[in-house]
Amino acid sequence: MPKRKVPDTFIRETIRGILDERGVAGPMRVTYYGFGKKVWSIAQKHGGQSSINNAITYYQTQYSANPEILKIIAESLLQGTLTFSEGDN
């Protein structure tokens, strides 16, 4: 089965809400958006939790991203992958 491409709007809107709630502004928003696309990509390739954890560690160390926000983004997007997958049936 080919991987399902999610509209960028889903990722952008999900992350926007999370960042707005936490007062994240400026260039860091782009970092979190990039992380969201990475998480979605990992989920589509059936990557495990360790792959997600590696991405969290990478964005935390390389971009000084807040690990709690990264975890919230990952959890929210992973819920979205379930929603989109269920819609395929």
C-alpha atoms as a PDB file:
ATOM      1  CA  MET A   1       0.000   0.000   0.000  1.00  0.00           C
ATOM      2  CA  PRO A   2       1.491   3.399  -0.916  1.00  0.00           C
ATOM      3  CA  LYS A   3       2.147   5.807   1.897  1.00  0.00           C
ATOM      4  CA  ARG A   4      -0.531   8.407   2.431  1.00  0.00           C
ATOM      5  CA  LYS A   5       0.513  11.992   1.950  1.00  0.00           C
ATOM      6  CA  VAL A   6      -1.082  14.302   4.463  1.00  0.00           C
ATOM      7  CA  PRO A   7      -1.869  17.858   3.495  1.00  0.00           C
ATOM      8  CA  ASP A   8       0.687  20.322   4.837  1.00  0.00           C
ATOM      9  CA  THR A   9      -2.228  22.203   6.330  1.00  0.00           C
ATOM     10  CA  PHE A  10      -2.839  19.393   8.839  1.00  0.00           C
ATOM     11  CA  ILE A  11       0.762  19.516  10.091  1.00  0.00           C
ATOM     12  CA  ARG A  12       0.881  23.310  10.042  1.00  0.00           C
ATOM     13  CA  GLU A  13      -2.441  23.779  11.873  1.00  0.00           C
ATOM     14  CA  THR A  14      -1.632  21.130  14.482  1.00  0.00           C
ATOM     15  CA  ILE A  15       1.746  22.666  15.239  1.00  0.00           C
ATOM     16  CA  ARG A  16       0.436  26.236  15.091  1.00  0.00           C
ATOM     17  CA  GLY A  17      -2.083  25.504  17.844  1.00  0.00           C
ATOM     18  CA  ILE A  18       0.540  23.886  20.064  1.00  0.00           C
ATOM     19  CA  LEU A  19       3.031  26.731  19.597  1.00  0.00           C
ATOM     20  CA  ASP A  20       0.408  29.441  20.084  1.00  0.00           C
ATOM     21  CA  GLU A  21      -0.640  27.878  23.389  1.00  0.00           C
ATOM     22  CA  ARG A  22       2.972  27.905  24.562  1.00  0.00           C
ATOM     23  CA  GLY A  23       3.901  31.367  23.293  1.00  0.00           C
ATOM     24  CA  VAL A  24       6.531  30.205  20.812  1.00  0.00           C
ATOM     25  CA  ALA A  25       7.233  32.898  18.232  1.00  0.00           C
ATOM     26  CA  GLY A  26       9.729  33.777  15.561  1.00  0.00           C
ATOM     27  CA  PRO A  27      12.186  31.497  13.782  1.00  0.00           C
ATOM     28  CA  MET A  28      11.722  28.616  16.245  1.00  0.00           C
ATOM     29  CA  ARG A  29       8.304  27.992  14.712  1.00  0.00           C
ATOM     30  CA  VAL A  30      10.050  26.890  11.496  1.00  0.00           C
ATOM     31  CA  THR A  31      12.171  24.451  13.525  1.00  0.00           C
ATOM     32  CA  TYR A  32       9.088  22.869  15.072  1.00  0.00           C
ATOM     33  CA  TYR A  33       7.365  22.719  11.691  1.00  0.00           C
ATOM     34  CA  GLY A  34      10.392  20.869  10.263  1.00  0.00           C
ATOM     35  CA  PHE A  35      10.249  18.489  13.212  1.00  0.00           C
ATOM     36  CA  GLY A  36       6.572  17.842  12.517  1.00  0.00           C
ATOM     37  CA  LYS A  37       7.282  16.921   8.910  1.00  0.00           C
ATOM     38  CA  LYS A  38      10.042  14.583  10.108  1.00  0.00           C
ATOM     39  CA  VAL A  39       7.711  12.865  12.584  1.00  0.00           C
ATOM     40  CA  TRP A  40       5.074  12.413   9.890  1.00  0.00           C
ATOM     41  CA  SER A  41       7.686  10.921   7.576  1.00  0.00           C
ATOM     42  CA  ILE A  42       8.866   8.495  10.272  1.00  0.00           C
ATOM     43  CA  ALA A  43       5.279   7.451  10.996  1.00  0.00           C
ATOM     44  CA  GLN A  44       4.569   6.817   7.305  1.00  0.00           C
ATOM     45  CA  LYS A  45       7.621   4.566   7.091  1.00  0.00           C
ATOM     46  CA  HIS A  46       6.370   2.632  10.117  1.00  0.00           C
ATOM     47  CA  GLY A  47       9.300   3.829  12.197  1.00  0.00           C
ATOM     48  CA  GLY A  48       9.199   2.867  15.832  1.00  0.00           C
ATOM     49  CA  GLN A  49       9.212   4.944  18.965  1.00  0.00           C
ATOM     50  CA  SER A  50      13.011   4.843  19.016  1.00  0.00           C
ATOM     51  CA  SER A  51      13.090   6.699  15.687  1.00  0.00           C
ATOM     52  CA  ILE A  52      10.788   9.366  17.110  1.00  0.00           C
ATOM     53  CA  ASN A  53      12.947   9.614  20.243  1.00  0.00           C
ATOM     54  CA  ASN A  54      16.049  10.009  18.064  1.00  0.00           C
ATOM     55  CA  ALA A  55      14.366  12.859  16.188  1.00  0.00           C
ATOM     56  CA  ILE A  56      13.424  14.534  19.485  1.00  0.00           C
ATOM     57  CA  THR A  57      17.013  14.266  20.722  1.00  0.00           C
ATOM     58  CA  TYR A  58      18.355  15.586  17.418  1.00  0.00           C
ATOM     59  CA  TYR A  59      16.093  18.657  17.359  1.00  0.00           C
ATOM     60  CA  GLN A  60      16.762  19.305  21.031  1.00  0.00           C
ATOM     61  CA  THR A  61      20.548  19.237  20.672  1.00  0.00           C
ATOM     62  CA  GLN A  62      20.956  20.714  17.181  1.00  0.00           C
ATOM     63  CA  TYR A  63      18.271  23.410  17.328  1.00  0.00           C
ATOM     64  CA  SER A  64      17.768  23.950  21.089  1.00  0.00           C
ATOM     65  CA  ALA A  65      14.125  22.959  20.749  1.00  0.00           C
ATOM     66  CA  ASN A  66      12.128  22.364  23.921  1.00  0.00           C
ATOM     67  CA  PRO A  67      11.827  18.575  24.392  1.00  0.00           C
ATOM     68  CA  GLU A  68       8.385  18.853  25.995  1.00  0.00           C
ATOM     69  CA  ILE A  69       7.025  20.750  23.005  1.00  0.00           C
ATOM     70  CA  LEU A  70       8.633  18.218  20.663  1.00  0.00           C
ATOM     71  CA  LYS A  71       6.926  15.369  22.531  1.00  0.00           C
ATOM     72  CA  ILE A  72       3.551  17.123  22.391  1.00  0.00           C
ATOM     73  CA  ILE A  73       3.940  17.719  18.654  1.00  0.00           C
ATOM     74  CA  ALA A  74       4.946  14.094  18.065  1.00  0.00           C
ATOM     75  CA  GLU A  75       2.007  12.744  20.080  1.00  0.00           C
ATOM     76  CA  SER A  76      -0.466  15.035  18.320  1.00  0.00           C
ATOM     77  CA  LEU A  77       0.782  14.132  14.853  1.00  0.00           C
ATOM     78  CA  LEU A  78       0.912  10.426  15.630  1.00  0.00           C
ATOM     79  CA  GLN A  79      -2.746  10.646  16.636  1.00  0.00           C
ATOM     80  CA  GLY A  80      -3.290  12.250  13.237  1.00  0.00           C
ATOM     81  CA  THR A  81      -1.642   9.315  11.466  1.00  0.00           C
ATOM     82  CA  LEU A  82      -4.142   7.010  13.146  1.00  0.00           C
ATOM     83  CA  THR A  83      -7.024   9.225  12.067  1.00  0.00           C
ATOM     84  CA  PHE A  84      -5.827   9.344   8.456  1.00  0.00           C
ATOM     85  CA  SER A  85      -5.141   5.586   8.410  1.00  0.00           C
ATOM     86  CA  GLU A  86      -8.590   4.785   9.739  1.00  0.00           C
ATOM     87  CA  GLY A  87     -10.052   6.983   7.005  1.00  0.00           C
ATOM     88  CA  ASP A  88      -8.398   4.752   4.410  1.00  0.00           C
ATOM     89  CA  ASN A  89     -10.532   1.736   5.353  1.00  0.00           C
END
